[in-house]
Amino acid sequence: RMTINAKGDSAIEYPDIPCKGVLERVPGLSNEFIERITEGDCITDGRIVVIEREGRVFWFWYQPGAYGPDGSAVLYREAPIA
């Protein structure tokens, strides 16, 4: 689960692992975040790139220092964009 908003309190949660964290927007990039894990035993400081197209979110996760994505997904919103 991922929550992104303009207020700066964006978050991510992996319920099946379980891990939680905060997302810090990369300065100058509107769709790139650094993931700081705050709960659980997950890799921290990963990079997430989010691209929204036609009601879907394309999500890419990169390990720290990696050049290509290590994970990807297409996400669908639980609620429409406000």
N, C-alpha and C. Protein backbone atom coordinates (compact mmCIF):
# COMPACT_ATOMS: atom_id res chain seq x y z
N ARG A 1 0.86 -1.17 0.00
CA ARG A 1 0.00 0.00 0.00
C ARG A 1 0.90 1.22 0.00
N MET A 2 0.52 2.17 -0.83
CA MET A 2 1.32 3.37 -0.94
C MET A 2 0.40 4.57 -0.94
N THR A 3 0.77 5.58 -0.16
CA THR A 3 0.02 6.82 -0.10
C THR A 3 0.97 7.95 -0.44
N ILE A 4 0.62 8.70 -1.48
CA ILE A 4 1.44 9.84 -1.88
C ILE A 4 0.55 11.07 -1.86
N ASN A 5 1.03 12.12 -1.20
CA ASN A 5 0.26 13.36 -1.21
C ASN A 5 1.20 14.56 -1.18
N ALA A 6 0.65 15.71 -1.49
CA ALA A 6 1.44 16.93 -1.59
C ALA A 6 1.88 17.47 -0.23
N LYS A 7 1.26 17.01 0.86
CA LYS A 7 1.60 17.51 2.19
C LYS A 7 2.96 16.99 2.67
N GLY A 8 3.49 15.98 2.01
CA GLY A 8 4.80 15.47 2.40
C GLY A 8 4.79 14.32 3.38
N ASP A 9 3.61 13.81 3.73
CA ASP A 9 3.55 12.68 4.65
C ASP A 9 3.21 11.39 3.89
N SER A 10 3.94 11.15 2.83
CA SER A 10 3.74 9.95 2.02
C SER A 10 4.28 8.73 2.75
N ALA A 11 3.66 7.57 2.51
CA ALA A 11 4.02 6.36 3.25
C ALA A 11 3.88 5.13 2.37
N ILE A 12 4.52 4.06 2.83
CA ILE A 12 4.41 2.77 2.15
C ILE A 12 4.29 1.68 3.19
N GLU A 13 3.56 0.63 2.83
CA GLU A 13 3.34 -0.49 3.74
C GLU A 13 3.32 -1.78 2.93
N TYR A 14 4.01 -2.79 3.44
CA TYR A 14 4.02 -4.12 2.84
C TYR A 14 3.40 -5.07 3.87
N PRO A 15 2.07 -5.21 3.90
CA PRO A 15 1.40 -5.98 4.95
C PRO A 15 1.83 -7.44 5.03
N ASP A 16 2.16 -8.07 3.92
CA ASP A 16 2.51 -9.49 3.93
C ASP A 16 3.90 -9.76 4.48
N ILE A 17 4.76 -8.75 4.60
CA ILE A 17 6.15 -9.02 4.98
C ILE A 17 6.35 -9.07 6.50
N PRO A 18 5.94 -8.26 7.37
CA PRO A 18 5.37 -6.93 7.32
C PRO A 18 6.46 -5.85 7.48
N CYS A 19 6.34 -4.78 6.74
CA CYS A 19 7.22 -3.61 6.82
C CYS A 19 6.41 -2.36 6.53
N LYS A 20 6.87 -1.26 7.12
CA LYS A 20 6.27 0.05 6.88
C LYS A 20 7.38 1.07 6.75
N GLY A 21 7.08 2.16 6.06
CA GLY A 21 8.07 3.21 5.96
C GLY A 21 7.47 4.50 5.47
N VAL A 22 8.33 5.50 5.38
CA VAL A 22 7.95 6.80 4.85
C VAL A 22 8.64 6.99 3.51
N LEU A 23 8.03 7.80 2.67
CA LEU A 23 8.58 8.11 1.36
C LEU A 23 8.99 9.57 1.33
N GLU A 24 10.25 9.81 0.98
CA GLU A 24 10.77 11.17 0.88
C GLU A 24 10.95 11.49 -0.60
N ARG A 25 10.28 12.52 -1.07
CA ARG A 25 10.39 12.91 -2.48
C ARG A 25 11.81 13.35 -2.78
N VAL A 26 12.35 12.86 -3.90
CA VAL A 26 13.68 13.28 -4.34
C VAL A 26 13.56 14.71 -4.85
N PRO A 27 14.37 15.63 -4.32
CA PRO A 27 14.26 17.03 -4.74
C PRO A 27 14.37 17.19 -6.26
N GLY A 28 13.45 17.96 -6.81
CA GLY A 28 13.44 18.23 -8.24
C GLY A 28 12.74 17.19 -9.09
N LEU A 29 12.33 16.08 -8.49
CA LEU A 29 11.65 15.02 -9.24
C LEU A 29 10.29 14.76 -8.61
N SER A 30 9.24 14.92 -9.38
CA SER A 30 7.89 14.79 -8.82
C SER A 30 7.45 13.34 -8.68
N ASN A 31 8.14 12.40 -9.33
CA ASN A 31 7.67 11.01 -9.30
C ASN A 31 8.70 10.04 -8.74
N GLU A 32 9.69 10.54 -8.01
CA GLU A 32 10.72 9.66 -7.47
C GLU A 32 10.86 9.87 -5.97
N PHE A 33 10.98 8.75 -5.24
CA PHE A 33 11.00 8.79 -3.78
C PHE A 33 12.11 7.89 -3.25
N ILE A 34 12.63 8.24 -2.08
CA ILE A 34 13.51 7.36 -1.32
C ILE A 34 12.65 6.76 -0.22
N GLU A 35 12.73 5.45 -0.08
CA GLU A 35 11.92 4.71 0.89
C GLU A 35 12.73 4.50 2.15
N ARG A 36 12.26 5.05 3.26
CA ARG A 36 12.93 4.89 4.56
C ARG A 36 12.06 3.94 5.40
N ILE A 37 12.53 2.73 5.60
CA ILE A 37 11.77 1.74 6.39
C ILE A 37 11.83 2.12 7.86
N THR A 38 10.66 2.18 8.49
CA THR A 38 10.56 2.55 9.90
C THR A 38 10.14 1.38 10.79
N GLU A 39 9.53 0.34 10.19
CA GLU A 39 9.10 -0.85 10.94
C GLU A 39 9.35 -2.08 10.09
N GLY A 40 9.91 -3.13 10.70
CA GLY A 40 10.11 -4.39 10.00
C GLY A 40 11.54 -4.53 9.48
N ASP A 41 11.81 -5.71 8.94
CA ASP A 41 13.15 -6.05 8.48
C ASP A 41 13.20 -6.06 6.95
N CYS A 42 13.12 -4.87 6.35
CA CYS A 42 13.17 -4.71 4.89
C CYS A 42 14.35 -3.83 4.53
N ILE A 43 14.75 -3.87 3.28
CA ILE A 43 15.83 -3.02 2.80
C ILE A 43 15.36 -1.58 2.84
N THR A 44 16.17 -0.73 3.46
CA THR A 44 15.83 0.69 3.52
C THR A 44 16.64 1.47 2.50
N ASP A 45 16.23 2.67 2.22
CA ASP A 45 16.88 3.58 1.28
C ASP A 45 16.74 3.13 -0.17
N GLY A 46 15.76 2.28 -0.45
CA GLY A 46 15.46 1.93 -1.83
C GLY A 46 14.85 3.14 -2.53
N ARG A 47 14.87 3.11 -3.84
CA ARG A 47 14.32 4.21 -4.63
C ARG A 47 13.06 3.71 -5.33
N ILE A 48 12.00 4.50 -5.29
CA ILE A 48 10.74 4.16 -5.94
C ILE A 48 10.44 5.21 -6.99
N VAL A 49 10.13 4.76 -8.19
CA VAL A 49 9.71 5.64 -9.27
C VAL A 49 8.25 5.30 -9.57
N VAL A 50 7.41 6.32 -9.63
CA VAL A 50 5.98 6.15 -9.83
C VAL A 50 5.56 6.93 -11.08
N ILE A 51 4.87 6.25 -11.98
CA ILE A 51 4.38 6.89 -13.20
C ILE A 51 2.88 6.62 -13.30
N GLU A 52 2.07 7.69 -13.35
CA GLU A 52 0.62 7.55 -13.43
C GLU A 52 0.19 7.71 -14.88
N ARG A 53 -0.58 6.73 -15.36
CA ARG A 53 -1.11 6.77 -16.73
C ARG A 53 -2.50 6.14 -16.75
N GLU A 54 -3.48 6.89 -17.21
CA GLU A 54 -4.83 6.38 -17.46
C GLU A 54 -5.42 5.61 -16.27
N GLY A 55 -5.29 6.17 -15.08
CA GLY A 55 -5.89 5.56 -13.90
C GLY A 55 -5.09 4.43 -13.29
N ARG A 56 -3.92 4.15 -13.83
CA ARG A 56 -3.05 3.12 -13.27
C ARG A 56 -1.74 3.76 -12.83
N VAL A 57 -1.09 3.12 -11.88
CA VAL A 57 0.21 3.58 -11.41
C VAL A 57 1.23 2.49 -11.70
N PHE A 58 2.23 2.85 -12.46
CA PHE A 58 3.35 1.94 -12.73
C PHE A 58 4.42 2.23 -11.70
N TRP A 59 4.83 1.20 -10.99
CA TRP A 59 5.67 1.32 -9.80
C TRP A 59 6.95 0.53 -10.01
N PHE A 60 8.08 1.17 -9.79
CA PHE A 60 9.39 0.53 -9.94
C PHE A 60 10.19 0.73 -8.67
N TRP A 61 10.79 -0.34 -8.16
CA TRP A 61 11.60 -0.28 -6.95
C TRP A 61 13.03 -0.66 -7.28
N TYR A 62 13.97 0.15 -6.83
CA TYR A 62 15.40 -0.06 -7.06
C TYR A 62 16.12 -0.22 -5.73
N GLN A 63 16.96 -1.24 -5.61
CA GLN A 63 17.80 -1.38 -4.43
C GLN A 63 18.77 -0.20 -4.38
N PRO A 64 19.25 0.16 -3.18
CA PRO A 64 20.24 1.23 -3.11
C PRO A 64 21.44 0.91 -4.00
N GLY A 65 21.81 1.85 -4.85
CA GLY A 65 22.96 1.68 -5.74
C GLY A 65 22.70 0.89 -7.00
N ALA A 66 21.49 0.42 -7.22
CA ALA A 66 21.19 -0.39 -8.42
C ALA A 66 20.89 0.51 -9.61
N TYR A 67 21.14 -0.02 -10.81
CA TYR A 67 20.90 0.74 -12.03
C TYR A 67 19.59 0.37 -12.72
N GLY A 68 19.09 -0.82 -12.50
CA GLY A 68 17.83 -1.25 -13.09
C GLY A 68 16.86 -1.62 -11.99
N PRO A 69 15.57 -1.62 -12.30
CA PRO A 69 14.59 -1.95 -11.26
C PRO A 69 14.70 -3.39 -10.80
N ASP A 70 14.54 -3.58 -9.48
CA ASP A 70 14.55 -4.91 -8.88
C ASP A 70 13.14 -5.43 -8.65
N GLY A 71 12.17 -4.57 -8.74
CA GLY A 71 10.78 -4.96 -8.59
C GLY A 71 9.89 -3.97 -9.33
N SER A 72 8.77 -4.46 -9.83
CA SER A 72 7.85 -3.57 -10.52
C SER A 72 6.43 -4.09 -10.35
N ALA A 73 5.48 -3.18 -10.52
CA ALA A 73 4.07 -3.55 -10.39
C ALA A 73 3.21 -2.52 -11.09
N VAL A 74 1.99 -2.91 -11.40
CA VAL A 74 0.98 -1.97 -11.85
C VAL A 74 -0.05 -1.91 -10.73
N LEU A 75 -0.26 -0.72 -10.18
CA LEU A 75 -1.15 -0.54 -9.05
C LEU A 75 -2.45 0.14 -9.48
N TYR A 76 -3.53 -0.25 -8.84
CA TYR A 76 -4.83 0.35 -9.08
C TYR A 76 -5.29 1.01 -7.80
N ARG A 77 -5.85 2.19 -7.88
CA ARG A 77 -6.25 2.94 -6.70
C ARG A 77 -7.48 2.34 -6.03
N GLU A 78 -7.49 2.44 -4.70
CA GLU A 78 -8.70 2.08 -3.96
C GLU A 78 -9.73 3.19 -4.03
N ALA A 79 -9.25 4.42 -4.24
CA ALA A 79 -10.13 5.57 -4.35
C ALA A 79 -9.65 6.43 -5.51
N PRO A 80 -10.56 7.15 -6.16
CA PRO A 80 -10.15 8.00 -7.29
C PRO A 80 -9.24 9.15 -6.85
N ILE A 81 -8.50 9.69 -7.79
CA ILE A 81 -7.66 10.84 -7.52
C ILE A 81 -8.55 12.02 -7.17
N ALA A 82 -8.21 12.70 -6.08
CA ALA A 82 -9.01 13.87 -5.65
C ALA A 82 -8.53 15.11 -6.35
